[in-house]
């Protein structure tokens, strides 16, 4: 056997042949998990509109958005 045909890691190569490449499989699963988590945590499509929605109040009233807040009462003479 010559140096060019011999593997630098014969034991590792034998284990891969017998048991499969667990390191490569783990790397692939980790990449898939990372992509799944990235898409699950992507909140960019949640608020597509620019107007504010009314918020829930614990006192059974819906608070209007800030842009529609009632103004202070005005008095006329």
PDB file of N, CA and C in Angstrom:
ATOM      1  N   UNK A   1       0.843  -1.164   0.000  1.00  0.00           N
ATOM      2  CA  UNK A   1       0.000   0.000   0.000  1.00  0.00           C
ATOM      3  C   UNK A   1       0.896   1.237   0.000  1.00  0.00           C
ATOM      4  N   UNK A   2       0.593   2.172  -0.881  1.00  0.00           N
ATOM      5  CA  UNK A   2       1.400   3.381  -0.957  1.00  0.00           C
ATOM      6  C   UNK A   2       0.774   4.474  -0.117  1.00  0.00           C
ATOM      7  N   UNK A   3       1.543   5.515   0.145  1.00  0.00           N
ATOM      8  CA  UNK A   3       1.053   6.616   0.964  1.00  0.00           C
ATOM      9  C   UNK A   3      -0.098   7.354   0.296  1.00  0.00           C
ATOM     10  N   UNK A   4      -0.116   7.398  -1.035  1.00  0.00           N
ATOM     11  CA  UNK A   4      -1.172   8.122  -1.741  1.00  0.00           C
ATOM     12  C   UNK A   4      -2.506   7.376  -1.688  1.00  0.00           C
ATOM     13  N   UNK A   5      -2.483   6.055  -1.594  1.00  0.00           N
ATOM     14  CA  UNK A   5      -3.731   5.290  -1.549  1.00  0.00           C
ATOM     15  C   UNK A   5      -4.215   5.049  -0.122  1.00  0.00           C
ATOM     16  N   UNK A   6      -3.359   5.233   0.855  1.00  0.00           N
ATOM     17  CA  UNK A   6      -3.750   5.015   2.245  1.00  0.00           C
ATOM     18  C   UNK A   6      -4.493   6.238   2.781  1.00  0.00           C
ATOM     19  N   UNK A   7      -5.510   5.964   3.567  1.00  0.00           N
ATOM     20  CA  UNK A   7      -6.270   7.050   4.181  1.00  0.00           C
ATOM     21  C   UNK A   7      -5.531   7.543   5.416  1.00  0.00           C
ATOM     22  N   UNK A   8      -5.706   8.804   5.724  1.00  0.00           N
ATOM     23  CA  UNK A   8      -5.042   9.341   6.913  1.00  0.00           C
ATOM     24  C   UNK A   8      -5.783   8.954   8.193  1.00  0.00           C
ATOM     25  N   UNK A   9      -7.019   8.479   8.068  1.00  0.00           N
ATOM     26  CA  UNK A   9      -7.802   8.068   9.236  1.00  0.00           C
ATOM     27  C   UNK A   9      -8.480   6.719   8.965  1.00  0.00           C
ATOM     28  N   UNK A  10      -7.701   5.640   8.954  1.00  0.00           N
ATOM     29  CA  UNK A  10      -8.283   4.341   8.582  1.00  0.00           C
ATOM     30  C   UNK A  10      -9.334   3.847   9.584  1.00  0.00           C
ATOM     31  N   UNK A  11      -9.156   4.112  10.863  1.00  0.00           N
ATOM     32  CA  UNK A  11     -10.129   3.636  11.853  1.00  0.00           C
ATOM     33  C   UNK A  11     -11.458   4.364  11.663  1.00  0.00           C
ATOM     34  N   UNK A  12     -11.386   5.671  11.463  1.00  0.00           N
ATOM     35  CA  UNK A  12     -12.601   6.464  11.252  1.00  0.00           C
ATOM     36  C   UNK A  12     -13.306   6.013   9.973  1.00  0.00           C
ATOM     37  N   UNK A  13     -12.531   5.793   8.914  1.00  0.00           N
ATOM     38  CA  UNK A  13     -13.121   5.339   7.653  1.00  0.00           C
ATOM     39  C   UNK A  13     -13.799   3.977   7.821  1.00  0.00           C
ATOM     40  N   UNK A  14     -13.214   3.090   8.621  1.00  0.00           N
ATOM     41  CA  UNK A  14     -13.815   1.782   8.873  1.00  0.00           C
ATOM     42  C   UNK A  14     -15.123   1.934   9.647  1.00  0.00           C
ATOM     43  N   UNK A  15     -15.126   2.819  10.640  1.00  0.00           N
ATOM     44  CA  UNK A  15     -16.351   3.059  11.409  1.00  0.00           C
ATOM     45  C   UNK A  15     -17.468   3.637  10.531  1.00  0.00           C
ATOM     46  N   UNK A  16     -17.121   4.523   9.633  1.00  0.00           N
ATOM     47  CA  UNK A  16     -18.119   5.088   8.722  1.00  0.00           C
ATOM     48  C   UNK A  16     -18.696   4.001   7.831  1.00  0.00           C
ATOM     49  N   UNK A  17     -17.824   3.129   7.362  1.00  0.00           N
ATOM     50  CA  UNK A  17     -18.277   2.029   6.515  1.00  0.00           C
ATOM     51  C   UNK A  17     -19.209   1.105   7.281  1.00  0.00           C
ATOM     52  N   UNK A  18     -18.882   0.788   8.538  1.00  0.00           N
ATOM     53  CA  UNK A  18     -19.676  -0.147   9.333  1.00  0.00           C
ATOM     54  C   UNK A  18     -20.947   0.490   9.903  1.00  0.00           C
ATOM     55  N   UNK A  19     -20.839   1.696  10.428  1.00  0.00           N
ATOM     56  CA  UNK A  19     -21.929   2.298  11.194  1.00  0.00           C
ATOM     57  C   UNK A  19     -22.614   3.482  10.525  1.00  0.00           C
ATOM     58  N   UNK A  20     -22.037   4.031   9.481  1.00  0.00           N
ATOM     59  CA  UNK A  20     -22.596   5.225   8.860  1.00  0.00           C
ATOM     60  C   UNK A  20     -21.888   6.459   9.404  1.00  0.00           C
ATOM     61  N   UNK A  21     -22.041   7.568   8.718  1.00  0.00           N
ATOM     62  CA  UNK A  21     -21.356   8.799   9.094  1.00  0.00           C
ATOM     63  C   UNK A  21     -22.256   9.619  10.021  1.00  0.00           C
ATOM     64  N   UNK A  22     -22.165   9.335  11.306  1.00  0.00           N
ATOM     65  CA  UNK A  22     -23.008  10.011  12.294  1.00  0.00           C
ATOM     66  C   UNK A  22     -22.706  11.503  12.362  1.00  0.00           C
ATOM     67  N   UNK A  23     -21.468  11.896  12.171  1.00  0.00           N
ATOM     68  CA  UNK A  23     -21.101  13.312  12.228  1.00  0.00           C
ATOM     69  C   UNK A  23     -21.789  14.083  11.105  1.00  0.00           C
ATOM     70  N   UNK A  24     -21.753  13.546   9.909  1.00  0.00           N
ATOM     71  CA  UNK A  24     -22.398  14.209   8.774  1.00  0.00           C
ATOM     72  C   UNK A  24     -23.909  14.246   8.949  1.00  0.00           C
ATOM     73  N   UNK A  25     -24.495  13.159   9.462  1.00  0.00           N
ATOM     74  CA  UNK A  25     -25.936  13.130   9.699  1.00  0.00           C
ATOM     75  C   UNK A  25     -26.341  14.162  10.746  1.00  0.00           C
ATOM     76  N   UNK A  26     -25.567  14.271  11.818  1.00  0.00           N
ATOM     77  CA  UNK A  26     -25.850  15.267  12.853  1.00  0.00           C
ATOM     78  C   UNK A  26     -25.735  16.685  12.304  1.00  0.00           C
ATOM     79  N   UNK A  27     -24.751  16.909  11.454  1.00  0.00           N
ATOM     80  CA  UNK A  27     -24.567  18.224  10.831  1.00  0.00           C
ATOM     81  C   UNK A  27     -25.784  18.573   9.976  1.00  0.00           C
ATOM     82  N   UNK A  28     -26.289  17.601   9.210  1.00  0.00           N
ATOM     83  CA  UNK A  28     -27.464  17.833   8.366  1.00  0.00           C
ATOM     84  C   UNK A  28     -28.709  18.125   9.206  1.00  0.00           C
ATOM     85  N   UNK A  29     -28.901  17.337  10.270  1.00  0.00           N
ATOM     86  CA  UNK A  29     -30.060  17.546  11.141  1.00  0.00           C
ATOM     87  C   UNK A  29     -29.965  18.898  11.845  1.00  0.00           C
ATOM     88  N   UNK A  30     -28.778  19.289  12.266  1.00  0.00           N
ATOM     89  CA  UNK A  30     -28.602  20.586  12.910  1.00  0.00           C
ATOM     90  C   UNK A  30     -28.929  21.728  11.948  1.00  0.00           C
ATOM     91  N   UNK A  31     -28.525  21.597  10.694  1.00  0.00           N
ATOM     92  CA  UNK A  31     -28.833  22.621   9.693  1.00  0.00           C
ATOM     93  C   UNK A  31     -30.338  22.701   9.440  1.00  0.00           C
ATOM     94  N   UNK A  32     -31.005  21.552   9.340  1.00  0.00           N
ATOM     95  CA  UNK A  32     -32.452  21.540   9.146  1.00  0.00           C
ATOM     96  C   UNK A  32     -33.170  22.160  10.348  1.00  0.00           C
ATOM     97  N   UNK A  33     -32.704  21.848  11.555  1.00  0.00           N
ATOM     98  CA  UNK A  33     -33.299  22.408  12.764  1.00  0.00           C
ATOM     99  C   UNK A  33     -33.123  23.915  12.800  1.00  0.00           C
ATOM    100  N   UNK A  34     -31.956  24.374  12.416  1.00  0.00           N
ATOM    101  CA  UNK A  34     -31.684  25.813  12.382  1.00  0.00           C
ATOM    102  C   UNK A  34     -32.621  26.518  11.397  1.00  0.00           C
ATOM    103  N   UNK A  35     -32.820  25.939  10.227  1.00  0.00           N
ATOM    104  CA  UNK A  35     -33.713  26.534   9.235  1.00  0.00           C
ATOM    105  C   UNK A  35     -35.166  26.516   9.710  1.00  0.00           C
ATOM    106  N   UNK A  36     -35.580  25.421  10.364  1.00  0.00           N
ATOM    107  CA  UNK A  36     -36.939  25.330  10.888  1.00  0.00           C
ATOM    108  C   UNK A  36     -37.166  26.375  11.975  1.00  0.00           C
ATOM    109  N   UNK A  37     -36.200  26.521  12.869  1.00  0.00           N
ATOM    110  CA  UNK A  37     -36.320  27.521  13.938  1.00  0.00           C
ATOM    111  C   UNK A  37     -36.351  28.930  13.363  1.00  0.00           C
ATOM    112  N   UNK A  38     -35.535  29.196  12.360  1.00  0.00           N
ATOM    113  CA  UNK A  38     -35.515  30.527  11.741  1.00  0.00           C
ATOM    114  C   UNK A  38     -36.874  30.849  11.128  1.00  0.00           C
ATOM    115  N   UNK A  39     -37.482  29.899  10.428  1.00  0.00           N
ATOM    116  CA  UNK A  39     -38.779  30.169   9.812  1.00  0.00           C
ATOM    117  C   UNK A  39     -39.889  30.245  10.862  1.00  0.00           C
ATOM    118  N   UNK A  40     -39.783  29.464  11.942  1.00  0.00           N
ATOM    119  CA  UNK A  40     -40.798  29.512  12.995  1.00  0.00           C
ATOM    120  C   UNK A  40     -40.739  30.822  13.774  1.00  0.00           C
ATOM    121  N   UNK A  41     -39.571  31.394  13.898  1.00  0.00           N
ATOM    122  CA  UNK A  41     -39.409  32.634  14.658  1.00  0.00           C
ATOM    123  C   UNK A  41     -39.448  33.878  13.780  1.00  0.00           C
ATOM    124  N   UNK A  42     -39.793  33.713  12.509  1.00  0.00           N
ATOM    125  CA  UNK A  42     -39.864  34.845  11.593  1.00  0.00           C
ATOM    126  C   UNK A  42     -41.198  35.552  11.772  1.00  0.00           C
ATOM    127  N   UNK A  43     -41.169  36.742  12.308  1.00  0.00           N
ATOM    128  CA  UNK A  43     -42.381  37.510  12.601  1.00  0.00           C
ATOM    129  C   UNK A  43     -42.607  38.624  11.580  1.00  0.00           C
ATOM    130  N   UNK A  44     -41.913  38.620  10.467  1.00  0.00           N
ATOM    131  CA  UNK A  44     -42.037  39.725   9.526  1.00  0.00           C
ATOM    132  C   UNK A  44     -43.415  39.798   8.887  1.00  0.00           C
ATOM    133  N   UNK A  45     -44.110  38.715   8.711  1.00  0.00           N
ATOM    134  CA  UNK A  45     -45.420  38.724   8.074  1.00  0.00           C
ATOM    135  C   UNK A  45     -46.576  38.952   9.019  1.00  0.00           C
ATOM    136  N   UNK A  46     -46.324  39.111  10.308  1.00  0.00           N
ATOM    137  CA  UNK A  46     -47.407  39.238  11.277  1.00  0.00           C
ATOM    138  C   UNK A  46     -48.129  40.567  11.133  1.00  0.00           C
ATOM    139  N   UNK A  47     -47.413  41.656  11.084  1.00  0.00           N
ATOM    140  CA  UNK A  47     -48.019  42.981  10.968  1.00  0.00           C
ATOM    141  C   UNK A  47     -47.763  43.531   9.575  1.00  0.00           C
ATOM    142  N   UNK A  48     -48.673  43.209   8.661  1.00  0.00           N
ATOM    143  CA  UNK A  48     -48.498  43.700   7.310  1.00  0.00           C
ATOM    144  C   UNK A  48     -49.139  45.064   7.123  1.00  0.00           C
ATOM    145  N   UNK A  49     -50.175  45.361   7.896  1.00  0.00           N
ATOM    146  CA  UNK A  49     -50.844  46.652   7.778  1.00  0.00           C
ATOM    147  C   UNK A  49     -50.110  47.719   8.563  1.00  0.00           C
ATOM    148  N   UNK A  50     -50.371  48.972   8.204  1.00  0.00           N
ATOM    149  CA  UNK A  50     -49.698  50.056   8.907  1.00  0.00           C
ATOM    150  C   UNK A  50     -50.565  50.659  10.000  1.00  0.00           C
ATOM    151  N   UNK A  51     -51.870  50.402   9.969  1.00  0.00           N
ATOM    152  CA  UNK A  51     -52.714  51.002  10.997  1.00  0.00           C
ATOM    153  C   UNK A  51     -52.723  50.128  12.251  1.00  0.00           C
ATOM    154  N   UNK A  52     -52.852  50.771  13.388  1.00  0.00           N
ATOM    155  CA  UNK A  52     -52.860  50.055  14.660  1.00  0.00           C
ATOM    156  C   UNK A  52     -54.215  49.410  14.876  1.00  0.00           C
ATOM    157  N   UNK A  53     -54.192  48.244  15.478  1.00  0.00           N
ATOM    158  CA  UNK A  53     -55.424  47.553  15.816  1.00  0.00           C
ATOM    159  C   UNK A  53     -55.813  47.916  17.247  1.00  0.00           C
ATOM    160  N   UNK A  54     -57.112  47.916  17.557  1.00  0.00           N
ATOM    161  CA  UNK A  54     -57.521  48.175  18.941  1.00  0.00           C
ATOM    162  C   UNK A  54     -56.946  47.121  19.870  1.00  0.00           C
ATOM    163  N   UNK A  55     -56.629  47.503  21.087  1.00  0.00           N
ATOM    164  CA  UNK A  55     -56.057  46.573  22.051  1.00  0.00           C
ATOM    165  C   UNK A  55     -57.117  46.147  23.044  1.00  0.00           C
ATOM    166  N   UNK A  56     -56.935  44.994  23.622  1.00  0.00           N
ATOM    167  CA  UNK A  56     -57.870  44.455  24.592  1.00  0.00           C
ATOM    168  C   UNK A  56     -57.661  45.106  25.948  1.00  0.00           C
ATOM    169  N   UNK A  57     -58.744  45.380  26.633  1.00  0.00           N
ATOM    170  CA  UNK A  57     -58.677  45.935  27.974  1.00  0.00           C
ATOM    171  C   UNK A  57     -59.270  44.922  28.939  1.00  0.00           C
ATOM    172  N   UNK A  58     -58.740  44.844  30.119  1.00  0.00           N
ATOM    173  CA  UNK A  58     -59.241  43.917  31.125  1.00  0.00           C
ATOM    174  C   UNK A  58     -60.594  44.357  31.681  1.00  0.00           C
ATOM    175  N   UNK A  59     -61.023  45.551  31.351  1.00  0.00           N
ATOM    176  CA  UNK A  59     -62.270  46.087  31.878  1.00  0.00           C
ATOM    177  C   UNK A  59     -63.388  46.054  30.839  1.00  0.00           C
ATOM    178  N   UNK A  60     -63.374  45.046  29.966  1.00  0.00           N
ATOM    179  CA  UNK A  60     -64.408  44.807  28.960  1.00  0.00           C
ATOM    180  C   UNK A  60     -64.614  45.954  27.989  1.00  0.00           C
ATOM    181  N   UNK A  61     -63.611  46.740  27.770  1.00  0.00           N
ATOM    182  CA  UNK A  61     -63.683  47.795  26.774  1.00  0.00           C
ATOM    183  C   UNK A  61     -62.526  47.597  25.813  1.00  0.00           C
ATOM    184  N   UNK A  62     -62.719  48.038  24.639  1.00  0.00           N
ATOM    185  CA  UNK A  62     -61.647  47.988  23.662  1.00  0.00           C
ATOM    186  C   UNK A  62     -61.082  49.388  23.550  1.00  0.00           C
ATOM    187  N   UNK A  63     -59.807  49.504  23.784  1.00  0.00           N
ATOM    188  CA  UNK A  63     -59.157  50.799  23.677  1.00  0.00           C
ATOM    189  C   UNK A  63     -58.926  51.111  22.209  1.00  0.00           C
ATOM    190  N   UNK A  64     -59.275  52.312  21.765  1.00  0.00           N
ATOM    191  CA  UNK A  64     -59.020  52.652  20.360  1.00  0.00           C
ATOM    192  C   UNK A  64     -57.528  52.825  20.123  1.00  0.00           C
ATOM    193  N   UNK A  65     -57.100  52.689  18.879  1.00  0.00           N
ATOM    194  CA  UNK A  65     -55.687  52.956  18.577  1.00  0.00           C
ATOM    195  C   UNK A  65     -55.341  54.393  18.939  1.00  0.00           C
ATOM    196  N   UNK A  66     -54.076  54.642  19.168  1.00  0.00           N
ATOM    197  CA  UNK A  66     -53.640  55.974  19.599  1.00  0.00           C
ATOM    198  C   UNK A  66     -54.063  57.072  18.632  1.00  0.00           C
ATOM    199  N   UNK A  67     -54.099  56.784  17.350  1.00  0.00           N
ATOM    200  CA  UNK A  67     -54.458  57.808  16.372  1.00  0.00           C
ATOM    201  C   UNK A  67     -55.931  58.197  16.462  1.00  0.00           C
ATOM    202  N   UNK A  68     -56.768  57.312  17.046  1.00  0.00           N
ATOM    203  CA  UNK A  68     -58.195  57.589  17.164  1.00  0.00           C
ATOM    204  C   UNK A  68     -58.596  57.897  18.598  1.00  0.00           C
ATOM    205  N   UNK A  69     -57.655  58.229  19.470  1.00  0.00           N
ATOM    206  CA  UNK A  69     -57.982  58.514  20.863  1.00  0.00           C
ATOM    207  C   UNK A  69     -58.902  59.721  20.936  1.00  0.00           C
ATOM    208  N   UNK A  70     -59.868  59.662  21.816  1.00  0.00           N
ATOM    209  CA  UNK A  70     -60.763  60.818  21.928  1.00  0.00           C
ATOM    210  C   UNK A  70     -59.981  62.029  22.419  1.00  0.00           C
ATOM    211  N   UNK A  71     -60.301  63.157  21.844  1.00  0.00           N
ATOM    212  CA  UNK A  71     -59.616  64.378  22.263  1.00  0.00           C
ATOM    213  C   UNK A  71     -60.324  64.951  23.476  1.00  0.00           C
ATOM    214  N   UNK A  72     -59.672  65.897  24.141  1.00  0.00           N
ATOM    215  CA  UNK A  72     -60.268  66.494  25.324  1.00  0.00           C
ATOM    216  C   UNK A  72     -61.524  67.267  24.918  1.00  0.00           C
ATOM    217  N   UNK A  73     -62.507  67.309  25.798  1.00  0.00           N
ATOM    218  CA  UNK A  73     -63.759  67.998  25.452  1.00  0.00           C
ATOM    219  C   UNK A  73     -63.499  69.473  25.183  1.00  0.00           C
ATOM    220  N   UNK A  74     -64.164  69.959  24.194  1.00  0.00           N
ATOM    221  CA  UNK A  74     -64.017  71.377  23.862  1.00  0.00           C
ATOM    222  C   UNK A  74     -65.295  72.110  24.260  1.00  0.00           C
ATOM    223  N   UNK A  75     -65.135  73.285  24.705  1.00  0.00           N
ATOM    224  CA  UNK A  75     -66.306  74.079  25.112  1.00  0.00           C
ATOM    225  C   UNK A  75     -66.568  75.135  24.054  1.00  0.00           C
ATOM    226  N   UNK A  76     -67.797  75.357  23.815  1.00  0.00           N
ATOM    227  CA  UNK A  76     -68.172  76.403  22.861  1.00  0.00           C
ATOM    228  C   UNK A  76     -68.846  77.524  23.619  1.00  0.00           C
ATOM    229  N   UNK A  77     -68.661  78.733  23.207  1.00  0.00           N
ATOM    230  CA  UNK A  77     -69.250  79.878  23.897  1.00  0.00           C
ATOM    231  C   UNK A  77     -70.525  80.321  23.277  1.00  0.00           C
TER     232      UNK A  77
END
